[in-house]
C-alpha cells in the first residue's frame, strides 16, 4: 500500500476516533437545584378548619350525581426564593435575569412526615391560590422574591398532616429552563 494511501487512512481513523464521544454520565448532569435557595414559613405549616365554605366536586359517573363536598383543611404559608453563589459556577452558569415561569403545588397525605399514598379509589383533593408575590424576576445572585400561598385540601385519611410540594419553574436569559422543588410539612 502506498504511503499516501496509508496517510489518508490514518488521518480518517484518527478523525473517527476523535469524533467518537462517550455516553453522558449521570455525574455530568447539571444540578440547578444547588443554585436556588428556597425556604418556607412557617415550618411546619399549621392547618386549620377555616375553609370559608370552599368546596370541591367528586365526579361519581355511572349516571350517579356528582357530589359537592366542603374542604376539611386550610393553610396559609410563604415561600422565599433566591439564587446563591453556585448560580455563577462555570458548570451551572445561569445567565441573569432569571424569570419564574410557573409555580405548581401538590398536597399529599402523610403520617410522621412520610407521604402515605391513598389506596384504592381514594384521592387527595386540593386547590391553591398564589398571592402577594414580590416579583417574578431575579436580576442577580442574592436577589430574593417571596410568594404567599393559600391552600384548601381534603385527604382520604381525614387527618390534616400532609406534605405540600411547591415546584417553581425558572427560565434564564439564555432560555435554559429548570425547576426547584420545596417540600413542606403540615403539622398533625
Protein backbone atom coordinates (compact mmCIF):
# COMPACT_ATOMS: atom_id res chain seq x y z
CA UNK A 1 0.00 0.00 0.00
CA UNK A 2 1.49 3.35 -1.00
CA UNK A 3 2.47 5.76 1.78
CA UNK A 4 -0.04 8.41 0.66
CA UNK A 5 -2.94 5.92 0.99
CA UNK A 6 -1.67 4.89 4.44
CA UNK A 7 -1.56 8.56 5.48
CA UNK A 8 -5.11 9.15 4.26
CA UNK A 9 -6.36 6.01 6.08
CA UNK A 10 -4.51 7.01 9.25
CA UNK A 11 -5.96 10.52 9.01
CA UNK A 12 -9.51 9.12 8.61
CA UNK A 13 -9.01 6.70 11.52
CA UNK A 14 -7.78 9.48 13.81
CA UNK A 15 -10.72 11.66 12.72
CA UNK A 16 -13.19 8.88 13.51
CA UNK A 17 -11.67 8.21 16.91
CA UNK A 18 -11.69 11.90 17.82
CA UNK A 19 -15.31 12.20 16.69
CA UNK A 20 -16.48 9.41 18.98
CA UNK A 21 -17.85 10.52 22.30
CA UNK A 22 -18.54 8.51 25.37
CA UNK A 23 -22.14 8.48 26.59
CA UNK A 24 -23.15 11.16 29.03
CA UNK A 25 -22.52 10.09 32.57
CA UNK A 26 -25.13 10.81 35.27
CA UNK A 27 -22.46 12.77 37.14
CA UNK A 28 -22.27 15.17 34.15
CA UNK A 29 -25.86 16.30 34.76
CA UNK A 30 -26.11 19.93 35.79
CA UNK A 31 -27.74 20.40 39.20
CA UNK A 32 -29.53 23.75 39.10
CA UNK A 33 -31.14 22.77 42.38
CA UNK A 34 -27.92 23.70 44.22
CA UNK A 35 -28.07 27.26 42.86
CA UNK A 36 -31.54 28.11 44.23
CA UNK A 37 -32.30 28.57 47.92
CA UNK A 38 -35.95 28.01 48.87
CA UNK A 39 -37.45 28.24 52.34
CA UNK A 40 -40.99 28.14 53.65
CA UNK A 41 -42.59 29.75 56.69
CA UNK A 42 -44.00 28.69 58.98
CA UNK A 43 -42.28 25.35 59.00
CA UNK A 44 -44.11 23.18 59.86
CA UNK A 45 -47.27 24.70 58.44
CA UNK A 46 -50.28 24.89 60.77
CA UNK A 47 -53.57 23.97 59.11
CA UNK A 48 -56.99 24.97 60.41
CA UNK A 49 -60.64 24.35 59.61
CA UNK A 50 -61.34 27.94 58.46
CA UNK A 51 -62.07 26.88 54.88
CA UNK A 52 -64.55 29.70 54.26
CA UNK A 53 -67.07 27.25 52.83
CA UNK A 54 -64.84 26.37 49.89
CA UNK A 55 -65.91 23.13 48.19
CA UNK A 56 -64.78 20.62 45.59
CA UNK A 57 -66.63 18.26 43.26
CA UNK A 58 -66.42 14.47 43.36
CA UNK A 59 -67.43 13.08 39.97
CA UNK A 60 -69.36 9.84 40.55
CA UNK A 61 -70.04 8.66 36.95
CA UNK A 62 -72.31 5.71 36.03
CA UNK A 63 -75.30 8.08 35.93
CA UNK A 64 -74.73 8.94 39.61
CA UNK A 65 -74.97 12.62 40.55
CA UNK A 66 -71.70 14.42 41.36
CA UNK A 67 -71.14 15.27 45.00
CA UNK A 68 -70.14 18.74 46.24
CA UNK A 69 -68.04 18.39 49.39
CA UNK A 70 -66.51 21.08 51.65
CA UNK A 71 -62.75 21.03 52.17
CA UNK A 72 -61.69 19.92 55.64
CA UNK A 73 -58.44 21.88 55.92
CA UNK A 74 -57.00 25.29 55.13
CA UNK A 75 -53.41 26.57 55.34
CA UNK A 76 -51.51 29.77 54.58
CA UNK A 77 -47.73 29.93 54.17
CA UNK A 78 -44.99 31.83 52.39
CA UNK A 79 -42.01 30.75 50.32
CA UNK A 80 -38.82 32.74 49.79
CA UNK A 81 -36.58 32.12 46.75
CA UNK A 82 -33.09 33.42 45.97
CA UNK A 83 -30.08 32.45 43.89
CA UNK A 84 -26.81 31.74 45.71
CA UNK A 85 -23.19 31.91 44.52
CA UNK A 86 -23.48 28.44 42.91
CA UNK A 87 -25.52 30.15 40.16
CA UNK A 88 -22.34 31.67 38.74
CA UNK A 89 -20.32 28.44 38.91
CA UNK A 90 -18.88 27.64 35.46
CA UNK A 91 -20.65 24.26 35.42
CA UNK A 92 -24.06 25.82 36.03
CA UNK A 93 -23.54 29.29 34.51
CA UNK A 94 -27.03 30.72 34.92
CA UNK A 95 -27.49 33.84 32.80
CA UNK A 96 -29.36 36.58 34.66
CA UNK A 97 -32.02 37.88 34.67
CA UNK A 98 -33.94 34.71 35.59
CA UNK A 99 -37.74 34.61 35.43
CA UNK A 100 -40.23 32.48 37.32
CA UNK A 101 -42.37 30.92 34.58
CA UNK A 102 -44.74 28.78 36.68
CA UNK A 103 -45.50 27.67 40.23
CA UNK A 104 -47.41 24.47 40.94
CA UNK A 105 -48.38 22.91 44.23
CA UNK A 106 -49.47 19.43 45.31
CA UNK A 107 -50.76 18.18 48.65
CA UNK A 108 -50.04 14.58 49.68
CA UNK A 109 -51.35 12.90 52.81
CA UNK A 110 -48.64 11.97 55.29
CA UNK A 111 -48.02 10.29 58.60
CA UNK A 112 -44.98 11.08 60.70
CA UNK A 113 -43.65 13.30 57.90
CA UNK A 114 -43.75 10.41 55.39
CA UNK A 115 -46.02 10.51 52.34
CA UNK A 116 -48.70 7.80 52.61
CA UNK A 117 -50.40 7.49 49.22
CA UNK A 118 -54.14 6.81 49.20
CA UNK A 119 -55.29 3.27 48.48
CA UNK A 120 -57.96 2.03 46.11
CA UNK A 121 -60.06 4.77 44.52
CA UNK A 122 -59.32 7.30 47.26
CA UNK A 123 -57.88 10.65 46.15
CA UNK A 124 -56.38 13.75 47.66
CA UNK A 125 -58.31 16.92 46.78
CA UNK A 126 -56.73 20.34 46.92
CA UNK A 127 -56.62 23.75 45.35
CA UNK A 128 -54.48 26.80 45.97
CA UNK A 129 -54.02 30.43 45.10
CA UNK A 130 -50.78 32.36 44.98
CA UNK A 131 -50.99 35.92 46.25
CA UNK A 132 -48.72 38.74 47.34
CA UNK A 133 -45.72 37.76 45.14
CA UNK A 134 -42.93 40.32 45.44
CA UNK A 135 -41.84 39.66 41.86
CA UNK A 136 -41.20 37.09 39.18
CA UNK A 137 -37.66 38.01 38.17
CA UNK A 138 -34.18 37.74 39.70
CA UNK A 139 -31.59 40.26 38.47
CA UNK A 140 -28.53 38.67 40.12
CA UNK A 141 -27.21 36.38 42.82
CA UNK A 142 -28.58 37.37 46.22
CA UNK A 143 -31.84 38.87 44.92
CA UNK A 144 -34.88 37.30 46.51
CA UNK A 145 -38.61 37.08 45.93
CA UNK A 146 -41.34 35.71 48.13
CA UNK A 147 -44.77 34.28 47.43
CA UNK A 148 -47.75 33.68 49.70
CA UNK A 149 -50.00 30.65 49.24
CA UNK A 150 -53.45 29.80 50.48
CA UNK A 151 -54.34 26.10 50.24
CA UNK A 152 -57.56 24.15 50.79
CA UNK A 153 -57.38 20.37 50.95
CA UNK A 154 -59.14 17.16 51.92
CA UNK A 155 -57.37 13.84 52.44
CA UNK A 156 -58.69 10.26 52.49
CA UNK A 157 -57.14 9.83 55.96
CA UNK A 158 -59.38 12.71 57.18
CA UNK A 159 -56.31 13.99 59.04
CA UNK A 160 -54.61 17.33 58.42
CA UNK A 161 -51.00 16.07 58.35
CA UNK A 162 -49.63 16.42 54.83
CA UNK A 163 -46.61 17.19 52.68
CA UNK A 164 -47.02 20.22 50.44
CA UNK A 165 -44.67 20.23 47.44
CA UNK A 166 -44.16 23.54 45.66
CA UNK A 167 -42.45 23.32 42.26
CA UNK A 168 -41.11 26.56 40.80
CA UNK A 169 -40.13 26.64 37.13
CA UNK A 170 -37.44 29.10 36.01
CA UNK A 171 -36.03 30.28 32.70
CA UNK A 172 -32.72 32.14 32.47
CA UNK A 173 -31.78 34.84 29.94
CA UNK A 174 -30.44 32.17 27.52
CA UNK A 175 -33.75 30.27 27.67
CA UNK A 176 -32.43 27.44 29.86
CA UNK A 177 -35.34 26.02 31.87
CA UNK A 178 -35.01 24.36 35.29
CA UNK A 179 -37.08 23.66 38.42
CA UNK A 180 -36.77 23.89 42.18
CA UNK A 181 -38.97 21.76 44.48
CA UNK A 182 -39.64 22.71 48.09
CA UNK A 183 -41.34 20.15 50.34
CA UNK A 184 -43.05 21.49 53.46
CA UNK A 185 -44.74 19.57 56.25
CA UNK A 186 -48.21 20.35 57.57
CA UNK A 187 -48.18 19.56 61.30
CA UNK A 188 -50.51 16.82 62.57
